[in-house]
Protein backbone atom coordinates (compact mmCIF):
# COMPACT_ATOMS: atom_id res chain seq x y z
CA MET A 1 28.17 -130.02 87.58
CA THR A 2 24.50 -130.27 88.51
CA THR A 3 21.62 -129.59 86.16
CA GLN A 4 20.76 -126.53 88.26
CA GLY A 5 24.35 -125.31 87.93
CA LEU A 6 24.33 -125.78 84.16
CA LEU A 7 20.99 -124.01 83.88
CA GLY A 8 22.39 -121.18 85.99
CA ILE A 9 25.33 -120.71 83.66
CA TYR A 10 23.04 -120.89 80.62
CA LEU A 11 20.54 -118.35 81.93
CA ASN A 12 23.25 -115.98 83.16
CA ASP A 13 24.79 -116.11 79.69
CA HIS A 14 21.38 -115.21 78.25
CA LEU A 15 21.04 -112.43 80.81
CA ALA A 16 24.39 -111.05 79.66
CA GLY A 17 23.15 -111.13 76.08
CA ALA A 18 19.89 -109.49 77.12
CA THR A 19 21.84 -106.73 78.84
CA THR A 20 23.79 -106.07 75.66
CA GLY A 21 20.64 -106.23 73.53
CA THR A 22 18.78 -103.83 75.80
CA GLY A 23 21.57 -101.27 75.56
CA LEU A 24 21.81 -101.66 71.80
CA ALA A 25 18.05 -101.39 71.29
CA ARG A 26 17.85 -98.24 73.40
CA ARG A 27 20.78 -96.65 71.55
CA MET A 28 19.25 -97.50 68.17
CA ALA A 29 15.90 -96.00 69.21
CA ALA A 30 17.62 -92.84 70.45
CA SER A 31 19.60 -92.42 67.23
CA ALA A 32 16.64 -92.90 64.86
CA GLU A 33 15.25 -89.81 63.18
CA PRO A 34 12.35 -88.63 65.37
CA GLY A 35 8.89 -88.97 63.88
CA THR A 36 9.83 -91.70 61.44
CA GLU A 37 8.36 -95.18 61.24
CA ARG A 38 11.82 -96.54 62.06
CA ALA A 39 11.95 -94.49 65.26
CA ALA A 40 8.51 -95.69 66.32
CA VAL A 41 9.34 -99.35 65.67
CA LEU A 42 12.71 -99.11 67.42
CA SER A 43 11.21 -97.33 70.41
CA ARG A 44 8.63 -100.07 70.85
CA LEU A 45 11.24 -102.80 70.32
CA ALA A 46 13.53 -101.21 72.92
CA SER A 47 10.67 -101.25 75.45
CA GLU A 48 9.82 -104.86 74.63
CA ILE A 49 13.43 -106.01 74.78
CA THR A 50 13.78 -104.34 78.17
CA ALA A 51 10.62 -106.14 79.32
CA ASP A 52 11.98 -109.43 77.98
CA ARG A 53 15.15 -108.97 80.06
CA THR A 54 12.94 -108.36 83.11
CA ALA A 55 10.97 -111.54 82.28
CA LEU A 56 14.23 -113.49 82.21
CA LEU A 57 15.21 -112.08 85.61
CA ARG A 58 11.84 -113.15 87.03
CA ILE A 59 12.26 -116.64 85.62
CA MET A 60 15.73 -116.87 87.15
CA THR A 61 14.30 -115.80 90.51
CA THR A 62 11.50 -118.36 90.22
CA LEU A 63 14.06 -121.08 89.49
CA GLY A 64 16.33 -119.98 92.35
CA ILE A 65 19.18 -119.06 90.02
CA PRO A 66 21.37 -116.24 91.28
CA VAL A 67 22.41 -113.43 88.94
CA ARG A 68 26.13 -113.42 88.28
CA GLY A 69 26.84 -109.71 88.44
CA TYR A 70 30.24 -110.00 86.80
CA LYS A 71 28.65 -111.39 83.62
CA VAL A 72 26.06 -108.62 83.55
CA PHE A 73 28.71 -105.97 84.13
CA ALA A 74 31.01 -107.43 81.48
CA SER A 75 28.22 -107.44 78.90
CA TRP A 76 27.20 -103.89 79.84
CA ALA A 77 30.81 -102.71 79.51
CA GLY A 78 31.22 -104.61 76.24
CA GLU A 79 28.15 -102.93 74.76
CA ARG A 80 29.56 -99.53 75.74
CA ALA A 81 32.97 -100.40 74.30
CA GLY A 82 31.30 -101.53 71.07
CA ARG A 83 30.25 -97.93 70.54
CA LEU A 84 33.90 -97.04 70.11
CA LYS A 85 34.39 -99.26 67.07
CA LEU A 86 36.71 -98.00 64.39
CA ASN A 87 34.27 -97.22 61.61
CA GLY A 88 35.96 -94.27 59.99
CA HIS A 89 33.80 -91.81 61.91
CA LEU A 90 35.24 -90.58 65.18
CA VAL A 91 32.50 -88.15 66.15
CA THR A 92 29.50 -89.10 64.01
CA ARG A 93 27.77 -92.38 63.24
CA SER A 94 28.93 -94.30 60.21
CA PRO A 95 26.40 -94.63 57.40
CA LEU A 96 26.64 -98.39 58.03
CA SER A 97 25.77 -98.12 61.73
CA ASP A 98 22.02 -98.54 61.23
CA LEU A 99 22.51 -101.62 59.07
CA GLU A 100 25.09 -103.30 61.29
CA GLU A 101 23.22 -102.56 64.50
CA THR A 102 19.96 -103.86 63.05
CA GLU A 103 21.70 -107.08 62.03
CA MET A 104 23.31 -107.46 65.46
CA LEU A 105 20.02 -106.86 67.26
CA ARG A 106 18.26 -109.37 65.00
CA LEU A 107 20.91 -111.97 65.86
CA GLY A 108 20.38 -111.21 69.55
CA VAL A 109 16.62 -111.65 69.23
CA GLY A 110 17.27 -115.01 67.56
CA GLY A 111 19.40 -116.05 70.52
CA LYS A 112 16.73 -114.87 72.93
CA ALA A 113 14.13 -116.95 71.09
CA ALA A 114 16.38 -119.99 71.41
CA GLY A 115 16.57 -119.40 75.15
CA TRP A 116 12.78 -119.16 75.40
CA ARG A 117 12.47 -122.42 73.41
CA THR A 118 14.88 -124.12 75.81
CA LEU A 119 12.88 -122.96 78.80
CA ARG A 120 9.64 -123.96 77.06
CA ALA A 121 10.98 -127.50 76.65
CA LEU A 122 11.87 -127.56 80.36
CA ALA A 123 8.39 -126.32 81.31
CA ALA A 124 6.97 -129.72 80.42
CA ARG A 125 8.67 -131.19 83.48
CA ASP A 126 9.21 -128.17 85.72
CA GLY A 127 5.97 -126.72 87.07
CA ARG A 128 7.73 -123.55 88.18
CA LEU A 129 7.93 -122.45 84.54
CA ASP A 130 4.82 -120.90 82.99
CA ALA A 131 4.48 -122.54 79.56
CA ASP A 132 1.85 -120.05 78.38
CA ARG A 133 4.07 -117.08 79.29
CA LEU A 134 7.00 -118.67 77.48
CA ASP A 135 4.78 -119.22 74.43
CA ASP A 136 3.89 -115.51 74.51
CA LEU A 137 7.57 -114.56 74.77
CA LEU A 138 8.34 -116.79 71.78
CA VAL A 139 5.61 -115.21 69.68
CA ARG A 140 6.93 -111.76 70.57
CA ALA A 141 10.52 -112.74 69.72
CA ASP A 142 9.40 -114.08 66.34
CA ARG A 143 7.57 -110.81 65.62
CA GLN A 144 10.58 -108.79 66.74
CA SER A 145 12.82 -110.78 64.41
CA SER A 146 10.46 -110.17 61.48
CA GLU A 147 10.26 -106.45 62.22
CA LEU A 148 14.03 -106.18 62.48
CA GLU A 149 14.39 -108.00 59.16
CA SER A 150 12.00 -105.49 57.57
CA LEU A 151 14.04 -102.63 59.02
CA ARG A 152 17.24 -104.27 57.76
CA VAL A 153 15.90 -104.63 54.22
CA SER A 154 14.64 -101.04 54.24
CA THR A 155 18.04 -99.84 55.44
CA VAL A 156 19.83 -101.81 52.73
CA GLU A 157 17.54 -100.33 50.09
CA GLN A 158 18.14 -96.79 51.33
CA LEU A 159 21.85 -97.13 51.92
CA LEU A 160 23.26 -99.56 49.41
CA ALA A 161 20.76 -100.03 46.61
CA SER A 162 21.07 -96.43 45.45
CA GLU A 163 24.84 -96.82 45.30
CA THR A 164 24.77 -99.90 43.05
CA GLY A 165 22.07 -98.75 40.60
């Protein structure tokens, strides 16, 4: 397998993850109570995560890496199927949904940041990659991770802390 082939697999796997993350972020923003700080943060994060997916697609185009539609479709379908999880609530959201989804999205942002770091390392020897843009994407991913951690802690305090005290 060539380096280009390996990079293609790697970036298509990240694109699949970005597709799942975009769907999850949009769903979380839509389910947040309107007018709350959580809703505002999630709405902005959903927009940024969508933009990050677009940035990845542009990078793939710049590098001449074709999108593997079957991976994107599988991740899209998997995200939709994940909504059907058995959580004891057939029609409504589980009280744990906000916590679990925030944790999953934070893990996804961590994976995205790892992908940006990989591309940043490649930028040193591949002039097609914009190192400054990748640095900006890394800074944004770090901020997103911090914000999601704050939302996670807040959710834990609201949901679980009152139950144990």
